[in-house]
Amino acid sequence: MKFKEEKLICMKRVQRIGRTIVLVALPMVVIFTLINMSLLHFFHRRSSATTFNLNGRVYNKNSDSSSKRLPEVRKTYSKDDNAKNLRMFDDAEKELNKKSSGDGDQVFPEDKDVKSAKDALVVMKDEAVDRMIEKLKMANNYSFFSNYFWNSSLHDITRRLGATAKHKARILPGYAQINRSSGKMPAWELFHRNIRQFSLYDPDDPNMYGMLIDMATLPMIEGEENDGGTQLKINVRFSNEGRAVIKFMRYPREVEADENRYIFDDLERHIAEIAAFQLDKTLGFYRVPPTIGRRVNIKSDLEPIMPKSIKDTLFKSPAGNLCFYGECRYYCDSAHAFCGHPDIIEISVQSYLPSRNIAKRKSWYQPWRRSYSEYRKAYWEKNDDLCDSIRYESPYNNGKLLLDMIDAHTFDFLSGNKDRHSFVTFKDFGNYTFPIMYDNGRGFGRQTYDAMSILAPLRQCCLIRKSTLLKYVKLYVGPERLSVLIEKALESDPIAPVLIKPHLNALDRRLLKILQAVAECIEKYPVNKVVVFDRF
């Protein structure tokens, strides 16, 4: 009886709680819900036509599209009399083309609209450079610029400059003592016989182009691992007995070099070797061994000629691609393997120099060599007076070699190559010859980074040869652009496109900075103290 009474009391309590919830809590929930709906509607109406800017993109909350790019970089002409004909442009392009200050390397951050600015043409206009050109026009009784200069193409100018010195220069004595064979000689041997005291090749030599075609098409019948340098490369022999050095594609063109790596840790790029040759030929230096791209099959083209040290490292990646890594001082392991797609891989093919039996070489210490240490810097990186002594020391006091070295550094600056630790010449030509500019694999690694330290010889010596300055000024005044000329020169390469647009535009940006460095020197010193008139 007592149990039934307790159960009844409990049921009454539950009923009272239920009525309380229905009469009090439920209306409060309904009211709260209505208030929230009203607020959401109010804010949605206000925000439906608004946009917000995030990391250089415009987002419209009322649009189905995720984003659209900001307007392209604007370029307008200034009306200020003191800045006549100077173009003004927005923050993105200013960031990309700002002048260097100090001796440090320059980095362009990615947190603005750099991505779109990298694809924009560089404005080839600078007040300091314009003032320098006016001074050059007045130099030496108005004869600095020849009459043909302003209406000629860069192609014609490079053929005129130093033509006599190049074409009448002597050939390698080793070949001069060897009679020409009565039979037909392969293109590579005819090319070698045309090497002269002041240039590795003649840009109009048909044998050079025949050799390039052979390197891109002939079967490779023998290979051996190249023990020079730090990274993997193979010396190959073709069916016509020609020889070359091949380097392999490691990663796509869009992948930039890691900004946290020191130069001795940087990975080489096969496309840099190809682009360096075309840059050298376009600028009329003629010092980089002819190089061309090629696609090969790892299984059928490379494996039969691979030395055992490389063949033993062949493996299939998890993606099903055929890979290898070989043996070398650095980065020869499975984590840094070269992989095909699935077994096709791109390579650069660089022509061999003549045999040392015919053309002995001499290696020179490079005064502006880097320390290659993360703990210390070289003397020239901490002091600006190295040139005060170098210019009076042998062999740099011969009137040519120091200027050639400055040429080489402006060339390396254009490609972004910080790895010119030494240079080589043909011993038979003595000290009055040219540096052979091979091993350019660490160029074209960064698109928005300008290593101003490469220009140290130019900025510290304040010297440049007239012929080099004329070529750079011609590209500044136009109408030809260096980026366009190089893009056109690389169009016919078997693995084109060799360089992507940001790397091409970087050439124009860096060319402008070379001229700014020369202009700074000419502001401090007379023209005839900075510009050396020579026959090259």
Foldseek 3Di string as FASTA:
>chain_A
DVVVVVVVVVVVVVVVVVVCCVVPVVVVVVVVVVVVVVVVVVVCVVQQQDWDDDQQWIAHPNDPDGTDGDDAWDWDADPDPVRHPPIDTDPLLCLQQPFDDDQFWDFRDSSHVVVRNLLDFRQLDDPLLVVVVVQQCPPPPRPLDPPCQQVDDLVVLLCPFLVCVQQVADAFVLVVPDDDDPDDAQLLVVLQRSQGQAASGDLPDVSLVSVQVCLADFAWDAWDWDQDDFFTWIWTAGPSRFIWIKDWAQDDQVAFWDPPDDLSPTDFHQLQLQLLVLLCVSLNRRQEFHKFKYKDFCVPRNLNHYDPQFNVQWDADPVRAIWTFGDGNDQRDPVRIGTDPRGITMMMIGGDHDDCVRWPKDKFFDQLAFPPDPPDTDPLVVDLAPCVPVCPDPPNVVPPALQLLLVVLLSCQLQVANHCRIWMDGPSSPSSGHTRDYDRRNGNRDLSIGRSNSNSSCLSQLAHESSSVSSLVDCSVDPHHQLVSSCVSCPPGPPPPSHDSSSSSSSRSSSSNSSVSNSVSCVVDPPCSRYPYDRD
